[in-house]
Protein backbone atom coordinates (compact mmCIF):
# COMPACT_ATOMS: atom_id res chain seq x y z
CA UNK A 1 76.31 42.78 103.90
CA UNK A 2 79.58 42.70 102.02
CA UNK A 3 81.73 39.82 100.88
CA UNK A 4 84.38 41.34 98.60
CA UNK A 5 87.68 42.47 100.09
CA UNK A 6 90.57 44.46 98.65
CA UNK A 7 94.06 43.57 99.85
CA UNK A 8 96.29 46.56 100.58
CA UNK A 9 99.31 47.35 102.70
CA UNK A 10 98.23 47.66 106.32
CA UNK A 11 99.84 51.13 106.52
CA UNK A 12 97.79 52.37 103.59
CA UNK A 13 94.62 50.82 105.10
CA UNK A 14 95.44 52.71 108.26
CA UNK A 15 95.86 55.98 106.30
CA UNK A 16 92.53 55.42 104.56
CA UNK A 17 90.84 54.62 107.91
CA UNK A 18 92.30 57.76 109.44
CA UNK A 19 91.12 59.94 106.57
CA UNK A 20 94.70 60.77 105.61
CA UNK A 21 94.05 59.60 102.06
CA UNK A 22 91.02 58.92 99.93
CA UNK A 23 92.69 57.38 96.88
CA UNK A 24 94.27 54.02 96.28
CA UNK A 25 97.03 53.55 93.73
CA UNK A 26 97.22 50.07 92.20
CA UNK A 27 99.28 48.28 89.62
CA UNK A 28 98.11 44.73 90.32
CA UNK A 29 99.45 41.62 91.95
CA UNK A 30 101.31 38.74 90.39
CA UNK A 31 98.23 36.55 90.71
CA UNK A 32 95.98 39.03 88.90
CA UNK A 33 93.99 37.61 85.98
CA UNK A 34 95.83 38.54 82.80
CA UNK A 35 98.72 39.96 84.82
CA UNK A 36 97.14 43.36 85.39
CA UNK A 37 94.71 44.98 87.78
CA UNK A 38 91.04 45.58 87.14
CA UNK A 39 88.46 47.07 89.45
CA UNK A 40 86.39 44.02 90.28
CA UNK A 41 83.99 45.66 92.73
CA UNK A 42 82.78 49.14 93.55
CA UNK A 43 82.32 48.41 97.23
CA UNK A 44 84.73 46.31 99.33
CA UNK A 45 86.36 45.66 102.68
CA UNK A 46 89.84 47.04 103.24
CA UNK A 47 91.91 43.89 103.93
CA UNK A 48 95.19 44.91 105.58
CA UNK A 49 98.27 42.99 104.49
CA UNK A 50 101.85 43.02 105.70
CA UNK A 51 103.38 41.28 102.69
CA UNK A 52 105.72 43.50 100.67
CA UNK A 53 105.00 46.44 102.98
CA UNK A 54 108.18 48.33 103.82
CA UNK A 55 109.16 51.55 105.51
CA UNK A 56 110.91 52.84 102.36
CA UNK A 57 107.67 52.39 100.41
CA UNK A 58 105.91 55.02 102.55
CA UNK A 59 106.46 58.81 102.61
CA UNK A 60 108.35 59.91 105.73
CA UNK A 61 105.36 61.85 107.12
CA UNK A 62 103.23 58.68 106.99
CA UNK A 63 105.60 56.48 108.96
CA UNK A 64 103.61 56.98 112.20
CA UNK A 65 100.59 55.48 110.41
CA UNK A 66 102.71 52.48 109.43
CA UNK A 67 103.88 52.13 113.02
CA UNK A 68 100.31 52.30 114.30
CA UNK A 69 99.26 49.63 111.79
CA UNK A 70 102.07 47.42 112.99
CA UNK A 71 101.18 48.02 116.66
CA UNK A 72 97.61 46.83 116.15
CA UNK A 73 98.50 43.93 113.93
CA UNK A 74 96.34 40.86 114.80
CA UNK A 75 97.91 37.54 115.74
CA UNK A 76 99.18 35.39 112.88
CA UNK A 77 96.39 33.66 110.97
CA UNK A 78 93.79 36.40 111.73
CA UNK A 79 92.63 39.48 109.85
CA UNK A 80 90.74 42.39 111.36
CA UNK A 81 88.28 44.14 109.06
CA UNK A 82 87.11 47.49 110.39
CA UNK A 83 86.57 49.64 107.28
CA UNK A 84 85.07 49.33 103.84
CA UNK A 85 85.33 51.57 100.79
CA UNK A 86 83.01 52.68 97.96
CA UNK A 87 84.63 53.57 94.66
CA UNK A 88 83.59 57.04 93.50
CA UNK A 89 85.79 57.10 90.40
CA UNK A 90 88.55 55.13 88.66
CA UNK A 91 91.30 56.65 86.54
CA UNK A 92 94.04 54.88 84.58
CA UNK A 93 97.01 57.21 84.62
CA UNK A 94 99.54 56.61 81.80
CA UNK A 95 101.72 59.66 82.40
CA UNK A 96 104.29 59.46 85.17
CA UNK A 97 104.21 63.20 85.88
CA UNK A 98 100.43 63.00 86.49
CA UNK A 99 100.97 60.15 88.89
CA UNK A 100 103.67 62.08 90.70
CA UNK A 101 101.39 65.16 91.10
CA UNK A 102 99.09 63.03 93.32
CA UNK A 103 101.79 62.84 96.05
CA UNK A 104 99.84 64.97 98.52
CA UNK A 105 96.85 62.65 98.29
CA UNK A 106 98.45 59.31 99.28
CA UNK A 107 101.23 57.84 101.45
CA UNK A 108 103.35 55.96 98.93
CA UNK A 109 106.91 57.25 98.56
CA UNK A 110 107.96 58.79 95.22
CA UNK A 111 110.22 55.81 94.65
CA UNK A 112 107.29 53.42 95.07
CA UNK A 113 105.15 55.42 92.68
CA UNK A 114 107.92 55.42 90.12
CA UNK A 115 108.64 51.66 90.48
CA UNK A 116 105.02 50.61 90.39
CA UNK A 117 104.26 52.92 87.47
CA UNK A 118 107.11 51.48 85.39
CA UNK A 119 106.49 47.77 86.25
CA UNK A 120 105.56 45.78 83.11
CA UNK A 121 103.44 48.34 81.21
CA UNK A 122 103.68 51.99 82.25
CA UNK A 123 100.68 53.21 84.22
CA UNK A 124 98.75 53.10 87.52
CA UNK A 125 95.12 52.91 88.41
CA UNK A 126 93.87 55.58 90.79
CA UNK A 127 90.72 54.72 92.76
CA UNK A 128 88.98 57.57 94.49
CA UNK A 129 87.30 55.94 97.47
CA UNK A 130 85.01 56.96 100.28
CA UNK A 131 85.88 55.00 103.39
CA UNK A 132 83.45 53.94 106.12
CA UNK A 133 84.11 52.63 109.65
CA UNK A 134 81.91 49.82 110.95
CA UNK A 135 81.00 49.84 114.64
CA UNK A 136 82.50 46.38 115.34
CA UNK A 137 85.72 44.62 114.41
CA UNK A 138 85.18 41.59 112.13
CA UNK A 139 87.88 39.06 112.96
CA UNK A 140 88.30 36.39 110.28
CA UNK A 141 90.68 33.55 109.75
CA UNK A 142 93.28 34.12 107.07
CA UNK A 143 92.74 31.13 104.78
CA UNK A 144 94.87 29.76 101.94
CA UNK A 145 92.27 31.14 99.52
CA UNK A 146 92.95 34.65 100.80
CA UNK A 147 96.73 34.33 100.57
CA UNK A 148 98.99 35.41 97.68
CA UNK A 149 99.69 38.50 95.63
CA UNK A 150 96.18 39.30 94.48
CA UNK A 151 94.01 42.33 94.97
CA UNK A 152 90.63 40.76 95.47
CA UNK A 153 89.25 38.04 97.70
CA UNK A 154 85.75 36.86 98.33
CA UNK A 155 85.06 36.40 102.01
CA UNK A 156 83.05 33.59 103.55
CA UNK A 157 80.71 34.54 105.02
CA UNK A 158 79.50 37.96 104.02
CA UNK A 159 79.97 40.52 106.78
CA UNK A 160 77.52 43.18 107.95
CA UNK A 161 78.16 46.89 107.37
CA UNK A 162 75.17 48.28 109.26
CA UNK A 163 75.85 51.32 111.41
CA UNK A 164 78.91 52.36 109.40
CA UNK A 165 79.98 56.00 109.41
CA UNK A 166 82.01 57.84 106.78
CA UNK A 167 85.59 58.66 107.76
CA UNK A 168 85.49 61.97 105.85
CA UNK A 169 82.53 64.37 105.75
CA UNK A 170 80.90 64.82 102.35
CA UNK A 171 82.38 68.31 101.68
CA UNK A 172 85.95 67.17 102.44
CA UNK A 173 85.55 64.09 100.27
CA UNK A 174 84.05 66.09 97.38
CA UNK A 175 86.97 68.53 97.58
CA UNK A 176 89.38 65.63 97.26
CA UNK A 177 87.42 64.25 94.32
CA UNK A 178 87.74 67.62 92.57
CA UNK A 179 91.52 67.66 93.04
CA UNK A 180 91.84 64.11 91.77
CA UNK A 181 89.62 64.92 88.74
CA UNK A 182 91.69 68.06 87.97
CA UNK A 183 94.90 66.02 88.21
CA UNK A 184 93.86 62.78 86.46
CA UNK A 185 90.87 63.77 84.31
């Protein structure tokens, strides 16, 4: 069972679900406590959002993933949860060049990385995550408590994760972890 959810652009959630990336870059939402992001949970649902998501924010090669995410968008007022993530490692990158060297591991455009990095205090969090697909779609109502520019929401009720399968095999995931460690560590 899992009740914590992490709000992320639907296109990025789609990339994580497809195994096209295994890291999440985060600065933090306006509604974050203290105005900056913190890793509140080491295991969470991927909660796809469409707020602030834009084609120019995604690398050109990832645009088909954004289009697929848009094509399977649930009706207004509903959220579909199909994947959850486990955090393997967290890095706080305070050097822009290091953040830019991660470009092959995520779908954000260079302009998005630069803008997010520079916002308020320079830096980005890099979460290396292993993503799992659950066998059923959990359809939940999007409530007022879930709305807004925040990273974390607590779902009611908790949702089952039994029968989940990893999106990436262990060797592939461990290779990605090594690259992230070499780049950020």
